[in-house]
Amino acid sequence: MRATLYADGGSRGNPGPAAYGAVLVNETGETLRQVAAFLGTATNNVAEWSGLIAGLEAALELGVDDIDVRLDSELVVRQLSGAYRVKQAHLIPLHAKAKTLLRRFARSHVAHVRRENNKEADALLNQVLDVHTKK
């Protein structure tokens, strides 16, 4: 099965209250699954990686074997491609986990999208943050 994953993570403050959101859609644009969670206090980068990992795990659970990943974090996209090194020690295990998950797909492609093209994942994480920050 083929799907597109839109994933995002964010924090209010860096570090601060953090959450992620991920949306999996099929080729016709139908939502297959949405996942979102509050992470407690974390950095924006931890939230971005966590959203990607949660979305990839959800895709594998659904039997997706061909995945297009869309992230609005250019940093994460470049770190995944190897263009940038992951320098922060606490992010190295998250990077490794994402790479391991991506290898489980028969085909995967990761690309950067502008924030306005990642609205659903962004909305999910902000809904979670609103609940946990009483906004």
Protein backbone atom coordinates (compact mmCIF):
# COMPACT_ATOMS: atom_id res chain seq x y z
CA MET A 1 0.00 0.00 0.00
CA ARG A 2 1.18 3.50 -0.80
CA ALA A 3 0.69 6.49 1.50
CA THR A 4 1.93 9.98 2.25
CA LEU A 5 2.92 10.95 5.75
CA TYR A 6 2.71 14.58 6.87
CA ALA A 7 4.47 14.99 10.21
CA ASP A 8 5.23 17.97 12.41
CA GLY A 9 6.41 18.74 15.89
CA GLY A 10 6.65 21.91 17.90
CA SER A 11 7.22 23.43 21.28
CA ARG A 12 6.09 26.61 22.95
CA GLY A 13 9.44 27.81 24.14
CA ASN A 14 12.58 25.93 23.22
CA PRO A 15 12.56 23.88 25.34
CA GLY A 16 8.97 24.14 26.45
CA PRO A 17 5.68 22.27 26.31
CA ALA A 18 6.01 20.12 23.18
CA ALA A 19 3.84 17.89 21.01
CA TYR A 20 3.71 16.26 17.62
CA GLY A 21 1.12 15.48 15.00
CA ALA A 22 1.20 13.14 12.03
CA VAL A 23 -1.33 12.41 9.31
CA LEU A 24 -1.24 9.48 6.90
CA VAL A 25 -3.22 9.78 3.68
CA ASN A 26 -3.68 7.38 0.78
CA GLU A 27 -3.27 8.17 -2.91
CA THR A 28 -6.75 9.68 -3.14
CA GLY A 29 -6.15 11.96 -0.15
CA GLU A 30 -8.29 9.94 2.27
CA THR A 31 -6.99 10.08 5.84
CA LEU A 32 -5.83 6.65 6.95
CA ARG A 33 -4.68 7.58 10.45
CA GLN A 34 -3.86 10.59 12.62
CA VAL A 35 -1.51 10.41 15.59
CA ALA A 36 -0.64 13.13 18.05
CA ALA A 37 0.83 13.27 21.53
CA PHE A 38 2.07 15.61 24.22
CA LEU A 39 5.76 15.15 25.00
CA GLY A 40 6.06 17.24 28.15
CA THR A 41 8.96 19.67 28.14
CA ALA A 42 11.13 19.17 25.06
CA THR A 43 12.82 21.06 22.28
CA ASN A 44 11.29 21.76 18.90
CA ASN A 45 13.77 19.34 17.31
CA VAL A 46 12.81 16.49 19.65
CA ALA A 47 9.16 17.13 18.78
CA GLU A 48 9.88 17.11 15.03
CA TRP A 49 11.74 13.79 15.23
CA SER A 50 9.06 12.31 17.51
CA GLY A 51 6.30 13.18 15.04
CA LEU A 52 8.21 11.58 12.20
CA ILE A 53 8.86 8.40 14.20
CA ALA A 54 5.23 8.11 15.37
CA GLY A 55 3.98 8.59 11.82
CA LEU A 56 6.36 5.99 10.40
CA GLU A 57 5.34 3.49 13.08
CA ALA A 58 1.65 4.11 12.30
CA ALA A 59 2.32 3.58 8.59
CA LEU A 60 4.04 0.26 9.25
CA GLU A 61 1.15 -0.85 11.50
CA LEU A 62 -1.24 -0.16 8.61
CA GLY A 63 0.84 -2.21 6.18
CA VAL A 64 2.18 0.72 4.17
CA ASP A 65 5.22 -0.36 2.15
CA ASP A 66 5.61 2.65 -0.16
CA ILE A 67 5.76 5.98 1.66
CA ASP A 68 6.28 9.60 0.80
CA VAL A 69 7.20 11.66 3.85
CA ARG A 70 6.53 15.40 3.94
CA LEU A 71 8.08 17.52 6.68
CA ASP A 72 8.21 21.28 7.14
CA SER A 73 11.48 20.94 9.07
CA GLU A 74 14.20 21.48 6.51
CA LEU A 75 16.75 20.58 9.18
CA VAL A 76 15.26 17.11 9.77
CA VAL A 77 14.98 16.47 6.02
CA ARG A 78 18.63 17.41 5.50
CA GLN A 79 19.75 15.34 8.48
CA LEU A 80 17.87 12.32 7.13
CA SER A 81 19.50 12.72 3.72
CA GLY A 82 22.95 13.01 5.25
CA ALA A 83 23.45 16.57 3.99
CA TYR A 84 23.67 17.73 7.62
CA ARG A 85 25.12 15.84 10.57
CA VAL A 86 23.11 15.31 13.73
CA LYS A 87 25.35 17.01 16.28
CA GLN A 88 23.23 17.04 19.46
CA ALA A 89 23.77 13.82 21.42
CA HIS A 90 20.11 13.58 22.51
CA LEU A 91 18.93 13.66 18.86
CA ILE A 92 21.23 10.90 17.59
CA PRO A 93 19.01 8.03 18.88
CA LEU A 94 15.92 9.68 17.32
CA HIS A 95 17.72 10.04 13.99
CA ALA A 96 18.86 6.40 14.16
CA LYS A 97 15.34 5.19 14.95
CA ALA A 98 13.83 7.16 12.05
CA LYS A 99 16.46 5.80 9.65
CA THR A 100 15.80 2.24 10.87
CA LEU A 101 12.05 2.67 10.37
CA LEU A 102 12.51 4.13 6.88
CA ARG A 103 14.55 1.07 5.87
CA ARG A 104 11.55 -1.14 6.66
CA PHE A 105 9.60 0.30 3.72
CA ALA A 106 10.10 -1.13 0.23
CA ARG A 107 10.29 2.47 -0.99
CA SER A 108 10.49 5.77 0.86
CA HIS A 109 11.03 9.35 -0.18
CA VAL A 110 11.44 12.24 2.25
CA ALA A 111 10.91 15.83 1.15
CA HIS A 112 10.58 19.28 2.65
CA VAL A 113 7.28 21.13 2.26
CA ARG A 114 6.34 24.63 3.26
CA ARG A 115 4.41 24.98 6.51
CA GLU A 116 1.20 25.83 4.65
CA ASN A 117 1.41 22.42 2.94
CA ASN A 118 1.60 20.67 6.31
CA LYS A 119 -1.47 22.25 7.93
CA GLU A 120 -3.18 19.10 9.20
CA ALA A 121 -0.18 17.80 11.14
CA ASP A 122 0.48 21.30 12.49
CA ALA A 123 -3.16 21.65 13.57
CA LEU A 124 -3.03 18.30 15.39
CA LEU A 125 0.04 19.21 17.41
CA ASN A 126 -1.38 22.62 18.26
CA GLN A 127 -4.64 21.06 19.46
CA VAL A 128 -2.63 18.86 21.83
CA LEU A 129 -0.55 21.82 23.00
CA ASP A 130 -3.67 23.92 23.57
CA VAL A 131 -5.12 21.23 25.85
CA HIS A 132 -1.91 20.87 27.83
CA THR A 133 -1.06 24.56 28.08
CA LYS A 134 -4.65 25.66 28.85
CA LYS A 135 -4.64 28.07 25.92
